[in-house]
Amino acid sequence: MAEQPVGQILDALGVMVHLDEGDLPTDAYVILKIVKADGTVSMSNARSEALDWITRLGMVTAAQALENSGYIDASTDDDT
């Protein structure tokens, strides 16, 4: 399996992020669901070069908490 940049893959999947003016993304951790040619399903991950293991663990833990809580960013909530 050859390594390849994930930017075009994420673009093709329609992955978007909301950033406000002046926001500076510093790290990324990407989890991908992969369907193999034989139909089996697996997972893969990728990370930005400078992302250390403890920050990566914190990002995954925070993402899991957000997904499990149904968190809604107040700045994008139409009811406020």
N, C-alpha and C. Protein backbone atom coordinates (compact mmCIF):
# COMPACT_ATOMS: atom_id res chain seq x y z
N MET A 1 0.85 -1.18 0.00
CA MET A 1 0.00 0.00 0.00
C MET A 1 0.89 1.24 0.00
N ALA A 2 0.67 2.13 -0.93
CA ALA A 2 1.48 3.34 -1.05
C ALA A 2 0.85 4.48 -0.27
N GLU A 3 1.69 5.26 0.39
CA GLU A 3 1.20 6.46 1.08
C GLU A 3 0.82 7.50 0.05
N GLN A 4 -0.22 8.28 0.38
CA GLN A 4 -0.63 9.36 -0.50
C GLN A 4 -1.23 10.48 0.33
N PRO A 5 -1.14 11.72 -0.14
CA PRO A 5 -1.74 12.84 0.58
C PRO A 5 -3.25 12.65 0.68
N VAL A 6 -3.85 13.06 1.79
CA VAL A 6 -5.29 12.86 1.97
C VAL A 6 -6.13 14.07 1.56
N GLY A 7 -5.50 15.17 1.22
CA GLY A 7 -6.24 16.38 0.86
C GLY A 7 -7.26 16.16 -0.23
N GLN A 8 -6.85 15.57 -1.35
CA GLN A 8 -7.77 15.34 -2.47
C GLN A 8 -8.84 14.32 -2.10
N ILE A 9 -8.49 13.34 -1.29
CA ILE A 9 -9.46 12.34 -0.86
C ILE A 9 -10.55 13.01 -0.02
N LEU A 10 -10.15 13.85 0.91
CA LEU A 10 -11.12 14.55 1.76
C LEU A 10 -11.97 15.51 0.92
N ASP A 11 -11.35 16.18 -0.04
CA ASP A 11 -12.10 17.06 -0.93
C ASP A 11 -13.15 16.28 -1.70
N ALA A 12 -12.78 15.11 -2.23
CA ALA A 12 -13.71 14.29 -3.00
C ALA A 12 -14.86 13.78 -2.14
N LEU A 13 -14.62 13.59 -0.85
CA LEU A 13 -15.66 13.14 0.07
C LEU A 13 -16.53 14.30 0.57
N GLY A 14 -16.17 15.53 0.21
CA GLY A 14 -16.96 16.70 0.59
C GLY A 14 -16.73 17.14 2.02
N VAL A 15 -15.57 16.85 2.57
CA VAL A 15 -15.27 17.24 3.95
C VAL A 15 -15.03 18.75 4.01
N MET A 16 -15.79 19.40 4.89
CA MET A 16 -15.69 20.85 5.06
C MET A 16 -15.49 21.16 6.54
N VAL A 17 -14.92 22.31 6.82
CA VAL A 17 -14.76 22.77 8.20
C VAL A 17 -15.10 24.25 8.26
N HIS A 18 -15.75 24.66 9.36
CA HIS A 18 -16.07 26.07 9.54
C HIS A 18 -14.91 26.74 10.27
N LEU A 19 -14.31 27.74 9.65
CA LEU A 19 -13.25 28.51 10.28
C LEU A 19 -13.63 29.98 10.23
N ASP A 20 -13.44 30.66 11.33
CA ASP A 20 -13.66 32.10 11.37
C ASP A 20 -12.39 32.81 10.91
N GLU A 21 -12.54 34.05 10.49
CA GLU A 21 -11.39 34.84 10.07
C GLU A 21 -10.38 34.89 11.22
N GLY A 22 -9.15 34.61 10.90
CA GLY A 22 -8.08 34.63 11.90
C GLY A 22 -7.83 33.28 12.54
N ASP A 23 -8.73 32.29 12.34
CA ASP A 23 -8.51 30.95 12.89
C ASP A 23 -7.30 30.33 12.20
N LEU A 24 -6.48 29.60 12.96
CA LEU A 24 -5.27 29.00 12.42
C LEU A 24 -5.23 27.51 12.76
N PRO A 25 -5.63 26.65 11.84
CA PRO A 25 -5.51 25.21 12.11
C PRO A 25 -4.05 24.84 12.31
N THR A 26 -3.77 24.04 13.33
CA THR A 26 -2.38 23.69 13.63
C THR A 26 -2.09 22.21 13.49
N ASP A 27 -3.08 21.36 13.67
CA ASP A 27 -2.87 19.92 13.60
C ASP A 27 -4.11 19.25 13.03
N ALA A 28 -3.93 18.06 12.50
CA ALA A 28 -5.07 17.29 11.99
C ALA A 28 -4.84 15.81 12.27
N TYR A 29 -5.93 15.14 12.60
CA TYR A 29 -5.95 13.69 12.74
C TYR A 29 -7.16 13.20 11.96
N VAL A 30 -6.95 12.35 10.99
CA VAL A 30 -7.99 11.92 10.08
C VAL A 30 -8.22 10.42 10.25
N ILE A 31 -9.49 10.03 10.39
CA ILE A 31 -9.86 8.62 10.47
C ILE A 31 -10.66 8.30 9.22
N LEU A 32 -10.25 7.28 8.50
CA LEU A 32 -10.90 6.92 7.25
C LEU A 32 -11.49 5.51 7.32
N LYS A 33 -12.71 5.36 6.83
CA LYS A 33 -13.30 4.04 6.61
C LYS A 33 -12.94 3.64 5.19
N ILE A 34 -12.37 2.46 5.03
CA ILE A 34 -11.89 1.99 3.75
C ILE A 34 -12.68 0.75 3.33
N VAL A 35 -13.21 0.74 2.13
CA VAL A 35 -13.81 -0.47 1.56
C VAL A 35 -12.80 -1.01 0.55
N LYS A 36 -12.28 -2.18 0.83
CA LYS A 36 -11.27 -2.81 -0.02
C LYS A 36 -11.90 -3.33 -1.31
N ALA A 37 -11.08 -3.64 -2.30
CA ALA A 37 -11.55 -4.15 -3.59
C ALA A 37 -12.36 -5.43 -3.44
N ASP A 38 -12.03 -6.24 -2.41
CA ASP A 38 -12.76 -7.50 -2.19
C ASP A 38 -14.02 -7.32 -1.36
N GLY A 39 -14.34 -6.05 -0.99
CA GLY A 39 -15.55 -5.76 -0.23
C GLY A 39 -15.38 -5.71 1.27
N THR A 40 -14.22 -6.11 1.78
CA THR A 40 -13.99 -6.02 3.22
C THR A 40 -13.83 -4.56 3.62
N VAL A 41 -14.15 -4.29 4.87
CA VAL A 41 -14.09 -2.92 5.39
C VAL A 41 -13.00 -2.84 6.45
N SER A 42 -12.23 -1.77 6.39
CA SER A 42 -11.19 -1.54 7.39
C SER A 42 -11.14 -0.05 7.72
N MET A 43 -10.26 0.28 8.62
CA MET A 43 -10.04 1.69 8.98
C MET A 43 -8.59 2.02 8.80
N SER A 44 -8.34 3.29 8.54
CA SER A 44 -6.98 3.79 8.46
C SER A 44 -6.96 5.17 9.08
N ASN A 45 -5.79 5.67 9.41
CA ASN A 45 -5.70 7.00 9.98
C ASN A 45 -4.47 7.71 9.43
N ALA A 46 -4.51 9.02 9.52
CA ALA A 46 -3.40 9.86 9.09
C ALA A 46 -3.33 11.05 10.03
N ARG A 47 -2.18 11.64 10.13
CA ARG A 47 -2.02 12.79 11.03
C ARG A 47 -1.04 13.78 10.44
N SER A 48 -1.18 15.02 10.89
CA SER A 48 -0.21 16.02 10.46
C SER A 48 1.15 15.67 11.06
N GLU A 49 2.19 16.09 10.37
CA GLU A 49 3.55 15.67 10.69
C GLU A 49 3.98 15.99 12.12
N ALA A 50 3.60 17.14 12.62
CA ALA A 50 4.08 17.57 13.94
C ALA A 50 3.18 17.11 15.09
N LEU A 51 2.11 16.37 14.80
CA LEU A 51 1.16 15.97 15.84
C LEU A 51 1.77 14.89 16.73
N ASP A 52 1.95 15.21 18.01
CA ASP A 52 2.52 14.25 18.95
C ASP A 52 1.42 13.32 19.50
N TRP A 53 1.83 12.22 20.10
CA TRP A 53 0.87 11.20 20.52
C TRP A 53 -0.10 11.69 21.59
N ILE A 54 0.34 12.52 22.49
CA ILE A 54 -0.54 12.95 23.58
C ILE A 54 -1.60 13.93 23.07
N THR A 55 -1.23 14.80 22.15
CA THR A 55 -2.21 15.71 21.54
C THR A 55 -3.18 14.91 20.68
N ARG A 56 -2.66 13.92 19.94
CA ARG A 56 -3.52 13.06 19.12
C ARG A 56 -4.55 12.33 20.00
N LEU A 57 -4.11 11.78 21.12
CA LEU A 57 -5.02 11.11 22.04
C LEU A 57 -6.07 12.09 22.58
N GLY A 58 -5.64 13.30 22.92
CA GLY A 58 -6.58 14.32 23.40
C GLY A 58 -7.60 14.70 22.34
N MET A 59 -7.16 14.82 21.09
CA MET A 59 -8.08 15.17 20.00
C MET A 59 -9.11 14.07 19.78
N VAL A 60 -8.67 12.81 19.80
CA VAL A 60 -9.59 11.69 19.60
C VAL A 60 -10.58 11.61 20.76
N THR A 61 -10.11 11.80 21.99
CA THR A 61 -10.97 11.76 23.17
C THR A 61 -12.00 12.89 23.12
N ALA A 62 -11.56 14.09 22.76
CA ALA A 62 -12.49 15.23 22.66
C ALA A 62 -13.50 15.01 21.54
N ALA A 63 -13.06 14.47 20.40
CA ALA A 63 -13.98 14.20 19.29
C ALA A 63 -15.02 13.17 19.70
N GLN A 64 -14.61 12.15 20.43
CA GLN A 64 -15.56 11.13 20.88
C GLN A 64 -16.58 11.74 21.83
N ALA A 65 -16.13 12.60 22.74
CA ALA A 65 -17.05 13.26 23.68
C ALA A 65 -18.04 14.13 22.92
N LEU A 66 -17.58 14.86 21.92
CA LEU A 66 -18.47 15.70 21.11
C LEU A 66 -19.49 14.86 20.36
N GLU A 67 -19.06 13.79 19.75
CA GLU A 67 -19.96 12.91 19.00
C GLU A 67 -21.00 12.27 19.92
N ASN A 68 -20.59 11.87 21.11
CA ASN A 68 -21.49 11.19 22.05
C ASN A 68 -22.48 12.14 22.72
N SER A 69 -22.14 13.42 22.80
CA SER A 69 -22.98 14.37 23.54
C SER A 69 -23.99 15.09 22.66
N GLY A 70 -23.88 14.98 21.35
CA GLY A 70 -24.76 15.73 20.47
C GLY A 70 -24.47 17.22 20.54
N TYR A 71 -23.23 17.58 20.82
CA TYR A 71 -22.79 18.97 20.95
C TYR A 71 -23.19 19.79 19.73
N ILE A 72 -23.73 20.98 19.97
CA ILE A 72 -24.04 21.93 18.92
C ILE A 72 -23.28 23.21 19.21
N ASP A 73 -22.47 23.65 18.28
CA ASP A 73 -21.71 24.89 18.42
C ASP A 73 -22.69 26.05 18.47
N ALA A 74 -22.68 26.80 19.55
CA ALA A 74 -23.64 27.91 19.73
C ALA A 74 -23.54 28.92 18.60
N SER A 75 -22.37 29.09 18.01
CA SER A 75 -22.22 30.09 16.95
C SER A 75 -22.93 29.66 15.66
N THR A 76 -23.29 28.37 15.52
CA THR A 76 -23.97 27.91 14.32
C THR A 76 -25.41 27.49 14.60
N ASP A 77 -25.86 27.65 15.86
CA ASP A 77 -27.22 27.27 16.24
C ASP A 77 -28.19 28.35 15.78
N ASP A 78 -29.16 28.00 14.95
CA ASP A 78 -30.12 28.98 14.41
C ASP A 78 -31.11 29.47 15.44
N ASP A 79 -31.26 28.79 16.57
CA ASP A 79 -32.24 29.18 17.59
C ASP A 79 -31.74 30.29 18.51
N THR A 80 -30.50 30.68 18.40
CA THR A 80 -29.97 31.72 19.29
C THR A 80 -29.90 33.05 18.61
